[in-house]
Amino acid sequence: MSDDALRSVVVAKKTVEANNVLSFELIDPDGTELPAFSAGSHIDVTIPGGLVRQYSLCNSEADRHRYIIGVWNDPNSRGGSKAMHNVVKEGDVLQVGQPRNRFRVPRQTKRALLIARGIGATPMLSIADHLKTHDIPFAFHYLHALGSPGAFNAMIAGSAFVENTTSYLESNGEALDPKTVLLDQPDDTQLFICGVDWWLDPIIAFAKQNGWTEERIHIERFTAKASAPLLDKVFEVKIASTGAVFKIPGDKSVTEFLEEKGVKVPTSCEQGMCGTCKVKVLEGEVDHRDKRLSGEQRAQGYFLACVSRAKGPLLVLDL
C-alpha cells in the first residue's frame, strides 16, 4: 500500500472524554491488523462532507488492531470537528490515510519531559506509553483546559505511565509553571510540547532562554486557521504547466482561490503545519507564514500554499 493510499475503518467506539472532547476507536472492517505507527504519529481522516483533517493517534504503538484519536469540538470549527462530534456515529465507515510522524521520539533519547494542554495531550499519550515501554525516564505534565477538565483521565488512569503524570486543572485556577518543570533538568533531556500557539509559545521562549537548544525541543501545534487579513497583499500566481495566471485576492489563500478556479492543491490542516500543500516556487519571492518548513526547504524554493503568500507581484508555481 502506498503512503497516499486510503483504507476503510469502522468506528468501533465513540467515547465522551469531556463535554467538548470525544475519542474514537477505529478498527479494520474485517478485524485485521492496521498499518503500524510510531509514537507521535497522526492520520488523515476523511470526514463526511469530504473534509480531510489530521488527528494524532493516542494509543500504544504496540496496538495493531486499532487506532484511537481524540477530537476537540472547536467552537471555531470549519466543519471538521463539528462533523466528527455531531454526524459520525459508532458503526460508521471512514477513510483514513497511512500514519505519518512529524513528532517522533529521537532514537538517542535518554530522558524526556512532556508538556501538554487540552487536546494537545493526544500525541503525548502514545509518546508516554513508548517511553514507559522502553524504560526511558520521563515526566508528563498535563494541563486540563478550562472546558475539558476530565479529558483522557480514564486512559491515563489505566495506563502504565499514570505514575509519571502530573495533572493540572485550569477550572480550579491551577497553572503549569514553566520554571518548576523546565529548570534544573539534565542536559540530555528531550522536551516534547503540544498545544495552541498562545499557550506554548511563551513556554518555548522560556526554555530557549534557559539553555534548551532547538535540537532538544520537539513541538506539535494545534491552532486555529491562519486566515488572510481582509486587506492582505494581492498578487498573481502562474501555473507553470499551463501558463494560466490567477490574481489571488487579499482575503483568500492560494489553495482556496486556486480550488475555486479548478486547480486542486492537496490540503489537510489549512494552518501551515502539516506540509500537505507544499509546492515548489520556480520564480518569485515568498512571504513564508507556515510553522512547518525548515530553512533548507525554504531555500530549495518550497512554500506552503495554504498560508504563505508573495512578497512581490508574482509567484510561478511548479504545478
C-alpha atoms as a PDB file:
ATOM      1  CA  MET A   1       0.000   0.000   0.000  1.00  0.00           C
ATOM      2  CA  SER A   2       1.399   3.417  -0.961  1.00  0.00           C
ATOM      3  CA  ASP A   3       1.850   6.248   1.513  1.00  0.00           C
ATOM      4  CA  ASP A   4      -1.079   8.095  -0.084  1.00  0.00           C
ATOM      5  CA  ALA A   5      -3.456   5.113  -0.120  1.00  0.00           C
ATOM      6  CA  LEU A   6      -6.690   5.347   1.842  1.00  0.00           C
ATOM      7  CA  ARG A   7      -8.258   2.483   3.747  1.00  0.00           C
ATOM      8  CA  SER A   8     -11.665   1.991   5.301  1.00  0.00           C
ATOM      9  CA  VAL A   9     -12.044   1.804   9.071  1.00  0.00           C
ATOM     10  CA  VAL A  10     -15.081   1.297  11.256  1.00  0.00           C
ATOM     11  CA  VAL A  11     -15.876   3.485  14.253  1.00  0.00           C
ATOM     12  CA  ALA A  12     -15.929   0.776  16.934  1.00  0.00           C
ATOM     13  CA  LYS A  13     -16.327   3.189  19.881  1.00  0.00           C
ATOM     14  CA  LYS A  14     -17.201   6.846  20.289  1.00  0.00           C
ATOM     15  CA  THR A  15     -16.412   7.894  23.856  1.00  0.00           C
ATOM     16  CA  VAL A  16     -17.135  11.148  25.676  1.00  0.00           C
ATOM     17  CA  GLU A  17     -13.847  12.229  27.263  1.00  0.00           C
ATOM     18  CA  ALA A  18     -15.187  15.623  28.377  1.00  0.00           C
ATOM     19  CA  ASN A  19     -18.095  17.873  27.461  1.00  0.00           C
ATOM     20  CA  ASN A  20     -16.233  19.048  24.325  1.00  0.00           C
ATOM     21  CA  VAL A  21     -13.799  16.181  23.680  1.00  0.00           C
ATOM     22  CA  LEU A  22     -14.533  12.768  22.164  1.00  0.00           C
ATOM     23  CA  SER A  23     -12.302   9.818  21.418  1.00  0.00           C
ATOM     24  CA  PHE A  24     -12.883   7.442  18.521  1.00  0.00           C
ATOM     25  CA  GLU A  25     -11.640   3.865  18.295  1.00  0.00           C
ATOM     26  CA  LEU A  26     -11.151   2.884  14.660  1.00  0.00           C
ATOM     27  CA  ILE A  27     -10.725  -0.729  13.511  1.00  0.00           C
ATOM     28  CA  ASP A  28     -10.429  -2.599  10.226  1.00  0.00           C
ATOM     29  CA  PRO A  29     -13.840  -3.798   8.922  1.00  0.00           C
ATOM     30  CA  ASP A  30     -12.509  -7.365   8.734  1.00  0.00           C
ATOM     31  CA  GLY A  31     -10.721  -7.223  12.082  1.00  0.00           C
ATOM     32  CA  THR A  32      -7.264  -7.478  10.521  1.00  0.00           C
ATOM     33  CA  GLU A  33      -4.212  -5.519  11.599  1.00  0.00           C
ATOM     34  CA  LEU A  34      -3.873  -1.868  10.670  1.00  0.00           C
ATOM     35  CA  PRO A  35      -0.627  -0.361   9.341  1.00  0.00           C
ATOM     36  CA  ALA A  36       1.948   0.078  12.091  1.00  0.00           C
ATOM     37  CA  PHE A  37       2.668   3.523  13.502  1.00  0.00           C
ATOM     38  CA  SER A  38       5.273   5.089  15.759  1.00  0.00           C
ATOM     39  CA  ALA A  39       4.531   7.156  18.871  1.00  0.00           C
ATOM     40  CA  GLY A  40       3.632  10.742  17.973  1.00  0.00           C
ATOM     41  CA  SER A  41       2.041   9.800  14.629  1.00  0.00           C
ATOM     42  CA  HIS A  42      -1.142  11.190  13.122  1.00  0.00           C
ATOM     43  CA  ILE A  43      -3.544  10.063  10.415  1.00  0.00           C
ATOM     44  CA  ASP A  44      -5.571  11.942   7.835  1.00  0.00           C
ATOM     45  CA  VAL A  45      -9.290  11.281   8.321  1.00  0.00           C
ATOM     46  CA  THR A  46     -11.789  11.931   5.545  1.00  0.00           C
ATOM     47  CA  ILE A  47     -14.878  13.276   7.278  1.00  0.00           C
ATOM     48  CA  PRO A  48     -18.463  13.186   5.974  1.00  0.00           C
ATOM     49  CA  GLY A  49     -18.749  16.061   3.526  1.00  0.00           C
ATOM     50  CA  GLY A  50     -15.311  15.398   2.051  1.00  0.00           C
ATOM     51  CA  LEU A  51     -13.202  17.364   4.524  1.00  0.00           C
ATOM     52  CA  VAL A  52      -9.805  15.931   5.434  1.00  0.00           C
ATOM     53  CA  ARG A  53      -8.441  16.543   8.913  1.00  0.00           C
ATOM     54  CA  GLN A  54      -5.397  15.299  10.811  1.00  0.00           C
ATOM     55  CA  TYR A  55      -5.714  13.651  14.214  1.00  0.00           C
ATOM     56  CA  SER A  56      -2.942  12.349  16.452  1.00  0.00           C
ATOM     57  CA  LEU A  57      -3.013   8.699  17.475  1.00  0.00           C
ATOM     58  CA  CYS A  58      -3.463   8.343  21.248  1.00  0.00           C
ATOM     59  CA  ASN A  59      -2.962   4.641  21.737  1.00  0.00           C
ATOM     60  CA  SER A  60       0.116   2.487  22.111  1.00  0.00           C
ATOM     61  CA  GLU A  61       2.203   1.861  19.012  1.00  0.00           C
ATOM     62  CA  ALA A  62       2.053  -1.807  20.038  1.00  0.00           C
ATOM     63  CA  ASP A  63      -1.669  -1.833  19.174  1.00  0.00           C
ATOM     64  CA  ARG A  64      -2.053  -3.253  15.673  1.00  0.00           C
ATOM     65  CA  HIS A  65      -5.809  -3.745  15.587  1.00  0.00           C
ATOM     66  CA  ARG A  66      -6.980  -0.218  16.321  1.00  0.00           C
ATOM     67  CA  TYR A  67      -6.309   3.490  16.062  1.00  0.00           C
ATOM     68  CA  ILE A  68      -7.590   5.837  18.762  1.00  0.00           C
ATOM     69  CA  ILE A  69      -7.936   9.556  18.038  1.00  0.00           C
ATOM     70  CA  GLY A  70      -9.186  12.439  20.163  1.00  0.00           C
ATOM     71  CA  VAL A  71     -11.287  15.256  18.717  1.00  0.00           C
ATOM     72  CA  TRP A  72     -11.950  18.612  20.362  1.00  0.00           C
ATOM     73  CA  ASN A  73     -15.232  20.269  19.395  1.00  0.00           C
ATOM     74  CA  ASP A  74     -13.624  23.527  18.304  1.00  0.00           C
ATOM     75  CA  PRO A  75     -16.097  26.455  18.600  1.00  0.00           C
ATOM     76  CA  ASN A  76     -14.380  27.960  15.537  1.00  0.00           C
ATOM     77  CA  SER A  77     -14.632  24.706  13.597  1.00  0.00           C
ATOM     78  CA  ARG A  78     -14.553  24.925   9.814  1.00  0.00           C
ATOM     79  CA  GLY A  79     -16.730  21.823   9.754  1.00  0.00           C
ATOM     80  CA  GLY A  80     -14.343  19.013  10.665  1.00  0.00           C
ATOM     81  CA  SER A  81     -14.705  18.703  14.423  1.00  0.00           C
ATOM     82  CA  LYS A  82     -18.415  19.536  14.270  1.00  0.00           C
ATOM     83  CA  ALA A  83     -18.988  16.669  11.857  1.00  0.00           C
ATOM     84  CA  MET A  84     -16.948  14.267  13.979  1.00  0.00           C
ATOM     85  CA  HIS A  85     -18.960  15.215  17.063  1.00  0.00           C
ATOM     86  CA  ASN A  86     -22.431  15.575  15.570  1.00  0.00           C
ATOM     87  CA  VAL A  87     -22.523  13.362  12.473  1.00  0.00           C
ATOM     88  CA  VAL A  88     -20.110  10.445  12.887  1.00  0.00           C
ATOM     89  CA  LYS A  89     -21.506   7.590  14.992  1.00  0.00           C
ATOM     90  CA  GLU A  90     -20.459   4.123  16.066  1.00  0.00           C
ATOM     91  CA  GLY A  91     -20.621   1.683  13.163  1.00  0.00           C
ATOM     92  CA  ASP A  92     -19.862   4.333  10.539  1.00  0.00           C
ATOM     93  CA  VAL A  93     -17.126   3.696   7.999  1.00  0.00           C
ATOM     94  CA  LEU A  94     -14.474   6.378   7.489  1.00  0.00           C
ATOM     95  CA  GLN A  95     -11.496   6.665   5.174  1.00  0.00           C
ATOM     96  CA  VAL A  96      -8.056   7.197   6.714  1.00  0.00           C
ATOM     97  CA  GLY A  97      -4.567   7.619   5.324  1.00  0.00           C
ATOM     98  CA  GLN A  98      -1.332   5.938   6.303  1.00  0.00           C
ATOM     99  CA  PRO A  99       0.115   7.014   9.677  1.00  0.00           C
ATOM    100  CA  ARG A 100       2.718   9.765   9.379  1.00  0.00           C
ATOM    101  CA  ASN A 101       5.010  11.158  12.049  1.00  0.00           C
ATOM    102  CA  ARG A 102       6.382  14.685  12.434  1.00  0.00           C
ATOM    103  CA  PHE A 103       6.597  14.400  16.249  1.00  0.00           C
ATOM    104  CA  ARG A 104       8.863  11.395  16.527  1.00  0.00           C
ATOM    105  CA  VAL A 105      10.837  10.416  19.631  1.00  0.00           C
ATOM    106  CA  PRO A 106      14.543  10.565  18.657  1.00  0.00           C
ATOM    107  CA  ARG A 107      16.341   7.236  18.913  1.00  0.00           C
ATOM    108  CA  GLN A 108      19.030   8.717  21.143  1.00  0.00           C
ATOM    109  CA  THR A 109      16.514   9.887  23.776  1.00  0.00           C
ATOM    110  CA  LYS A 110      17.856   9.194  27.273  1.00  0.00           C
ATOM    111  CA  ARG A 111      15.156  11.042  29.232  1.00  0.00           C
ATOM    112  CA  ALA A 112      12.207  13.266  28.366  1.00  0.00           C
ATOM    113  CA  LEU A 113       9.850  15.958  29.568  1.00  0.00           C
ATOM    114  CA  LEU A 114       6.306  16.019  28.154  1.00  0.00           C
ATOM    115  CA  ILE A 115       4.130  19.141  28.451  1.00  0.00           C
ATOM    116  CA  ALA A 116       0.630  19.450  27.005  1.00  0.00           C
ATOM    117  CA  ARG A 117      -2.568  21.423  27.346  1.00  0.00           C
ATOM    118  CA  GLY A 118      -6.072  20.338  26.366  1.00  0.00           C
ATOM    119  CA  ILE A 119      -6.325  18.348  23.149  1.00  0.00           C
ATOM    120  CA  GLY A 120      -2.535  18.640  22.956  1.00  0.00           C
ATOM    121  CA  ALA A 121      -2.427  15.547  25.159  1.00  0.00           C
ATOM    122  CA  THR A 122      -3.390  13.275  22.267  1.00  0.00           C
ATOM    123  CA  PRO A 123       0.078  12.558  20.832  1.00  0.00           C
ATOM    124  CA  MET A 124       1.590  12.639  24.319  1.00  0.00           C
ATOM    125  CA  LEU A 125      -0.421   9.616  25.423  1.00  0.00           C
ATOM    126  CA  SER A 126       1.233   7.487  22.763  1.00  0.00           C
ATOM    127  CA  ILE A 127       4.658   9.013  23.411  1.00  0.00           C
ATOM    128  CA  ALA A 128       4.335   8.426  27.168  1.00  0.00           C
ATOM    129  CA  ASP A 129       3.472   4.790  26.506  1.00  0.00           C
ATOM    130  CA  HIS A 130       6.513   4.462  24.239  1.00  0.00           C
ATOM    131  CA  LEU A 131       8.854   5.965  26.832  1.00  0.00           C
ATOM    132  CA  LYS A 132       7.467   3.755  29.594  1.00  0.00           C
ATOM    133  CA  THR A 133       7.736   0.629  27.462  1.00  0.00           C
ATOM    134  CA  HIS A 134      11.374   1.388  26.686  1.00  0.00           C
ATOM    135  CA  ASP A 135      12.242   2.278  30.308  1.00  0.00           C
ATOM    136  CA  ILE A 136      13.189   5.839  29.386  1.00  0.00           C
ATOM    137  CA  PRO A 137      12.782   8.184  32.394  1.00  0.00           C
ATOM    138  CA  PHE A 138      10.234  10.950  31.804  1.00  0.00           C
ATOM    139  CA  ALA A 139       7.625  13.201  33.377  1.00  0.00           C
ATOM    140  CA  PHE A 140       4.323  14.137  31.741  1.00  0.00           C
ATOM    141  CA  HIS A 141       2.770  17.454  32.812  1.00  0.00           C
ATOM    142  CA  TYR A 142      -0.803  17.797  31.530  1.00  0.00           C
ATOM    143  CA  LEU A 143      -2.835  20.971  31.916  1.00  0.00           C
ATOM    144  CA  HIS A 144      -6.536  20.217  31.517  1.00  0.00           C
ATOM    145  CA  ALA A 145      -8.082  23.065  29.532  1.00  0.00           C
ATOM    146  CA  LEU A 146     -10.861  25.090  31.100  1.00  0.00           C
ATOM    147  CA  GLY A 147     -13.648  23.467  29.088  1.00  0.00           C
ATOM    148  CA  SER A 148     -12.449  19.864  29.309  1.00  0.00           C
ATOM    149  CA  PRO A 149     -11.257  19.087  32.842  1.00  0.00           C
ATOM    150  CA  GLY A 150     -11.704  15.325  32.611  1.00  0.00           C
ATOM    151  CA  ALA A 151     -10.362  14.642  29.131  1.00  0.00           C
ATOM    152  CA  PHE A 152      -8.421  11.371  28.844  1.00  0.00           C
ATOM    153  CA  ASN A 153      -8.479  10.759  32.600  1.00  0.00           C
ATOM    154  CA  ALA A 154      -9.633   7.179  32.092  1.00  0.00           C
ATOM    155  CA  MET A 155      -6.884   6.485  29.528  1.00  0.00           C
ATOM    156  CA  ILE A 156      -4.220   7.871  31.843  1.00  0.00           C
ATOM    157  CA  ALA A 157      -5.587   6.128  34.941  1.00  0.00           C
ATOM    158  CA  GLY A 158      -5.487   2.768  33.171  1.00  0.00           C
ATOM    159  CA  SER A 159      -2.035   3.265  31.703  1.00  0.00           C
ATOM    160  CA  ALA A 160       1.404   2.161  32.831  1.00  0.00           C
ATOM    161  CA  PHE A 161       2.517   5.823  32.870  1.00  0.00           C
ATOM    162  CA  VAL A 162      -0.045   7.137  35.364  1.00  0.00           C
ATOM    163  CA  GLU A 163       2.722   7.426  37.963  1.00  0.00           C
ATOM    164  CA  ASN A 164       4.716   9.646  35.579  1.00  0.00           C
ATOM    165  CA  THR A 165       1.799  12.024  35.041  1.00  0.00           C
ATOM    166  CA  THR A 166       1.015  15.254  36.877  1.00  0.00           C
ATOM    167  CA  SER A 167      -2.320  16.873  36.037  1.00  0.00           C
ATOM    168  CA  TYR A 168      -3.411  20.484  36.483  1.00  0.00           C
ATOM    169  CA  LEU A 169      -6.960  21.847  36.309  1.00  0.00           C
ATOM    170  CA  GLU A 170      -7.455  25.265  34.734  1.00  0.00           C
ATOM    171  CA  SER A 171     -11.020  25.212  36.046  1.00  0.00           C
ATOM    172  CA  ASN A 172      -9.577  25.215  39.582  1.00  0.00           C
ATOM    173  CA  GLY A 173      -7.213  28.055  38.798  1.00  0.00           C
ATOM    174  CA  GLU A 174      -4.205  25.762  38.556  1.00  0.00           C
ATOM    175  CA  ALA A 175      -1.417  26.616  36.123  1.00  0.00           C
ATOM    176  CA  LEU A 176       1.654  24.904  34.799  1.00  0.00           C
ATOM    177  CA  ASP A 177       4.706  26.903  35.883  1.00  0.00           C
ATOM    178  CA  PRO A 178       7.498  26.657  33.270  1.00  0.00           C
ATOM    179  CA  LYS A 179      10.131  27.467  35.902  1.00  0.00           C
ATOM    180  CA  THR A 180       9.119  24.496  38.021  1.00  0.00           C
ATOM    181  CA  VAL A 181       9.208  21.934  35.223  1.00  0.00           C
ATOM    182  CA  LEU A 182      11.908  23.261  32.883  1.00  0.00           C
ATOM    183  CA  LEU A 183      14.684  24.426  35.164  1.00  0.00           C
ATOM    184  CA  ASP A 184      17.321  22.107  36.615  1.00  0.00           C
ATOM    185  CA  GLN A 185      16.689  19.392  34.018  1.00  0.00           C
ATOM    186  CA  PRO A 186      19.645  17.245  32.876  1.00  0.00           C
ATOM    187  CA  ASP A 187      21.241  18.449  29.637  1.00  0.00           C
ATOM    188  CA  ASP A 188      20.248  15.274  27.799  1.00  0.00           C
ATOM    189  CA  THR A 189      16.501  15.755  28.418  1.00  0.00           C
ATOM    190  CA  GLN A 190      14.299  15.958  25.318  1.00  0.00           C
ATOM    191  CA  LEU A 191      11.307  18.326  25.556  1.00  0.00           C
ATOM    192  CA  PHE A 192       8.026  17.458  23.849  1.00  0.00           C
ATOM    193  CA  ILE A 193       5.331  20.135  23.947  1.00  0.00           C
ATOM    194  CA  CYS A 194       1.911  20.285  22.333  1.00  0.00           C
ATOM    195  CA  GLY A 195      -0.957  22.768  22.459  1.00  0.00           C
ATOM    196  CA  VAL A 196      -2.234  26.004  20.970  1.00  0.00           C
ATOM    197  CA  ASP A 197       0.209  28.734  19.956  1.00  0.00           C
ATOM    198  CA  TRP A 198      -0.766  31.346  22.551  1.00  0.00           C
ATOM    199  CA  TRP A 199      -0.058  28.864  25.347  1.00  0.00           C
ATOM    200  CA  LEU A 200       3.008  27.010  24.117  1.00  0.00           C
ATOM    201  CA  ASP A 201       4.992  29.876  22.529  1.00  0.00           C
ATOM    202  CA  PRO A 202       5.829  31.560  25.885  1.00  0.00           C
ATOM    203  CA  ILE A 203       6.910  28.195  27.314  1.00  0.00           C
ATOM    204  CA  ILE A 204       9.137  27.506  24.317  1.00  0.00           C
ATOM    205  CA  ALA A 205      10.634  31.000  24.582  1.00  0.00           C
ATOM    206  CA  PHE A 206      11.351  30.454  28.294  1.00  0.00           C
ATOM    207  CA  ALA A 207      13.000  27.110  27.540  1.00  0.00           C
ATOM    208  CA  LYS A 208      15.285  28.618  24.909  1.00  0.00           C
ATOM    209  CA  GLN A 209      16.210  31.485  27.223  1.00  0.00           C
ATOM    210  CA  ASN A 210      17.263  28.927  29.814  1.00  0.00           C
ATOM    211  CA  GLY A 211      19.555  26.716  27.807  1.00  0.00           C
ATOM    212  CA  TRP A 212      17.249  24.371  25.914  1.00  0.00           C
ATOM    213  CA  THR A 213      18.587  24.027  22.358  1.00  0.00           C
ATOM    214  CA  GLU A 214      16.426  23.743  19.234  1.00  0.00           C
ATOM    215  CA  GLU A 215      17.520  20.126  18.800  1.00  0.00           C
ATOM    216  CA  ARG A 216      16.068  19.163  22.186  1.00  0.00           C
ATOM    217  CA  ILE A 217      12.694  20.896  21.701  1.00  0.00           C
ATOM    218  CA  HIS A 218      10.007  18.989  19.775  1.00  0.00           C
ATOM    219  CA  ILE A 219       6.799  20.871  19.029  1.00  0.00           C
ATOM    220  CA  GLU A 220       3.338  19.872  17.821  1.00  0.00           C
ATOM    221  CA  ARG A 221       0.958  22.789  17.298  1.00  0.00           C
ATOM    222  CA  PHE A 222      -2.828  22.728  17.449  1.00  0.00           C
ATOM    223  CA  THR A 223      -4.094  26.134  16.474  1.00  0.00           C
ATOM    224  CA  ALA A 224      -6.857  27.988  14.737  1.00  0.00           C
ATOM    225  CA  LYS A 225      -6.757  28.509  10.981  1.00  0.00           C
ATOM    226  CA  ALA A 226      -4.371  31.251   9.963  1.00  0.00           C
ATOM    227  CA  SER A 227      -6.674  33.212   7.701  1.00  0.00           C
ATOM    228  CA  ALA A 228      -5.505  36.052   5.484  1.00  0.00           C
ATOM    229  CA  PRO A 229      -6.341  39.588   6.626  1.00  0.00           C
ATOM    230  CA  LEU A 230      -9.074  41.229   4.585  1.00  0.00           C
ATOM    231  CA  LEU A 231      -6.641  43.781   3.176  1.00  0.00           C
ATOM    232  CA  ASP A 232      -3.682  41.463   2.630  1.00  0.00           C
ATOM    233  CA  LYS A 233      -1.452  41.864  -0.410  1.00  0.00           C
ATOM    234  CA  VAL A 234      -2.961  40.987  -3.790  1.00  0.00           C
ATOM    235  CA  PHE A 235      -0.591  39.099  -6.090  1.00  0.00           C
ATOM    236  CA  GLU A 236      -0.603  36.737  -9.044  1.00  0.00           C
ATOM    237  CA  VAL A 237       0.348  33.082  -9.348  1.00  0.00           C
ATOM    238  CA  LYS A 238       1.255  31.419 -12.619  1.00  0.00           C
ATOM    239  CA  ILE A 239       0.795  27.698 -13.157  1.00  0.00           C
ATOM    240  CA  ALA A 240       3.987  26.588 -14.918  1.00  0.00           C
ATOM    241  CA  SER A 241       2.458  23.594 -16.721  1.00  0.00           C
ATOM    242  CA  THR A 242      -0.378  25.537 -18.366  1.00  0.00           C
ATOM    243  CA  GLY A 243       0.706  29.172 -18.262  1.00  0.00           C
ATOM    244  CA  ALA A 244      -2.558  30.142 -16.583  1.00  0.00           C
ATOM    245  CA  VAL A 245      -2.294  33.218 -14.342  1.00  0.00           C
ATOM    246  CA  PHE A 246      -4.580  33.885 -11.372  1.00  0.00           C
ATOM    247  CA  LYS A 247      -4.838  37.002  -9.211  1.00  0.00           C
ATOM    248  CA  ILE A 248      -5.018  35.967  -5.545  1.00  0.00           C
ATOM    249  CA  PRO A 249      -7.272  38.360  -3.596  1.00  0.00           C
ATOM    250  CA  GLY A 250      -6.303  39.660  -0.198  1.00  0.00           C
ATOM    251  CA  ASP A 251      -8.977  37.684   1.649  1.00  0.00           C
ATOM    252  CA  LYS A 252      -8.257  34.218   0.222  1.00  0.00           C
ATOM    253  CA  SER A 253      -5.373  31.782   0.491  1.00  0.00           C
ATOM    254  CA  VAL A 254      -3.603  30.464  -2.594  1.00  0.00           C
ATOM    255  CA  THR A 255      -5.080  26.989  -2.134  1.00  0.00           C
ATOM    256  CA  GLU A 256      -8.586  28.310  -1.540  1.00  0.00           C
ATOM    257  CA  PHE A 257      -8.624  30.575  -4.586  1.00  0.00           C
ATOM    258  CA  LEU A 258      -6.979  28.068  -6.922  1.00  0.00           C
ATOM    259  CA  GLU A 259      -9.502  25.403  -5.936  1.00  0.00           C
ATOM    260  CA  GLU A 260     -12.309  27.809  -6.846  1.00  0.00           C
ATOM    261  CA  LYS A 261     -10.688  28.066 -10.284  1.00  0.00           C
ATOM    262  CA  GLY A 262     -10.379  24.309 -10.702  1.00  0.00           C
ATOM    263  CA  VAL A 263      -6.711  23.961  -9.762  1.00  0.00           C
ATOM    264  CA  LYS A 264      -6.519  21.448  -6.929  1.00  0.00           C
ATOM    265  CA  VAL A 265      -3.629  21.630  -4.459  1.00  0.00           C
ATOM    266  CA  PRO A 266      -3.885  18.867  -1.801  1.00  0.00           C
ATOM    267  CA  THR A 267      -4.558  20.309   1.654  1.00  0.00           C
ATOM    268  CA  SER A 268      -5.270  18.958   5.114  1.00  0.00           C
ATOM    269  CA  CYS A 269      -4.679  21.199   8.123  1.00  0.00           C
ATOM    270  CA  GLU A 270      -5.030  24.546   6.256  1.00  0.00           C
ATOM    271  CA  GLN A 271      -2.930  26.069   9.042  1.00  0.00           C
ATOM    272  CA  GLY A 272       0.593  25.880   7.648  1.00  0.00           C
ATOM    273  CA  MET A 273       1.564  22.990   9.912  1.00  0.00           C
ATOM    274  CA  CYS A 274       1.234  19.636   8.158  1.00  0.00           C
ATOM    275  CA  GLY A 275       3.068  20.207   4.881  1.00  0.00           C
ATOM    276  CA  THR A 276       0.435  18.564   2.660  1.00  0.00           C
ATOM    277  CA  CYS A 277       0.141  21.644   0.423  1.00  0.00           C
ATOM    278  CA  LYS A 278       3.898  22.034  -0.150  1.00  0.00           C
ATOM    279  CA  VAL A 279       4.538  23.454  -3.623  1.00  0.00           C
ATOM    280  CA  LYS A 280       7.796  24.431  -5.315  1.00  0.00           C
ATOM    281  CA  VAL A 281       8.082  28.060  -6.387  1.00  0.00           C
ATOM    282  CA  LEU A 282      10.014  28.429  -9.641  1.00  0.00           C
ATOM    283  CA  GLU A 283      10.025  32.232  -9.682  1.00  0.00           C
ATOM    284  CA  GLY A 284       9.161  34.968  -7.206  1.00  0.00           C
ATOM    285  CA  GLU A 285       9.858  35.815  -3.558  1.00  0.00           C
ATOM    286  CA  VAL A 286       7.760  34.092  -0.873  1.00  0.00           C
ATOM    287  CA  ASP A 287       6.286  35.598   2.281  1.00  0.00           C
ATOM    288  CA  HIS A 288       6.565  32.454   4.426  1.00  0.00           C
ATOM    289  CA  ARG A 289       3.874  32.189   7.119  1.00  0.00           C
ATOM    290  CA  ASP A 290       3.971  28.485   7.910  1.00  0.00           C
ATOM    291  CA  LYS A 291       5.207  26.720  11.026  1.00  0.00           C
ATOM    292  CA  ARG A 292       6.392  23.625   9.206  1.00  0.00           C
ATOM    293  CA  LEU A 293       9.092  24.130   6.570  1.00  0.00           C
ATOM    294  CA  SER A 294      12.740  24.011   7.530  1.00  0.00           C
ATOM    295  CA  GLY A 295      15.180  26.687   6.433  1.00  0.00           C
ATOM    296  CA  GLU A 296      16.617  24.210   3.943  1.00  0.00           C
ATOM    297  CA  GLN A 297      13.209  23.511   2.387  1.00  0.00           C
ATOM    298  CA  ARG A 298      12.543  27.234   2.055  1.00  0.00           C
ATOM    299  CA  ALA A 299      15.948  27.724   0.473  1.00  0.00           C
ATOM    300  CA  GLN A 300      15.083  24.967  -2.022  1.00  0.00           C
ATOM    301  CA  GLY A 301      12.100  27.045  -3.123  1.00  0.00           C
ATOM    302  CA  TYR A 302       9.183  25.371  -1.364  1.00  0.00           C
ATOM    303  CA  PHE A 303       6.252  27.124   0.275  1.00  0.00           C
ATOM    304  CA  LEU A 304       3.010  26.054   1.938  1.00  0.00           C
ATOM    305  CA  ALA A 305       0.239  27.370  -0.246  1.00  0.00           C
ATOM    306  CA  CYS A 306      -2.462  27.292   2.429  1.00  0.00           C
ATOM    307  CA  VAL A 307      -0.981  30.202   4.404  1.00  0.00           C
ATOM    308  CA  SER A 308       2.057  31.709   2.688  1.00  0.00           C
ATOM    309  CA  ARG A 309       1.887  34.478   0.113  1.00  0.00           C
ATOM    310  CA  ALA A 310       4.083  36.513  -2.232  1.00  0.00           C
ATOM    311  CA  LYS A 311       6.315  39.421  -1.310  1.00  0.00           C
ATOM    312  CA  GLY A 312       6.374  40.598  -4.913  1.00  0.00           C
ATOM    313  CA  PRO A 313       3.782  40.729  -7.705  1.00  0.00           C
ATOM    314  CA  LEU A 314       4.101  37.117  -8.965  1.00  0.00           C
ATOM    315  CA  LEU A 315       4.846  33.537  -7.973  1.00  0.00           C
ATOM    316  CA  VAL A 316       5.379  30.867 -10.619  1.00  0.00           C
ATOM    317  CA  LEU A 317       4.325  27.515  -9.186  1.00  0.00           C
ATOM    318  CA  ASP A 318       5.563  24.076 -10.243  1.00  0.00           C
ATOM    319  CA  LEU A 319       2.061  22.759 -10.857  1.00  0.00           C
END
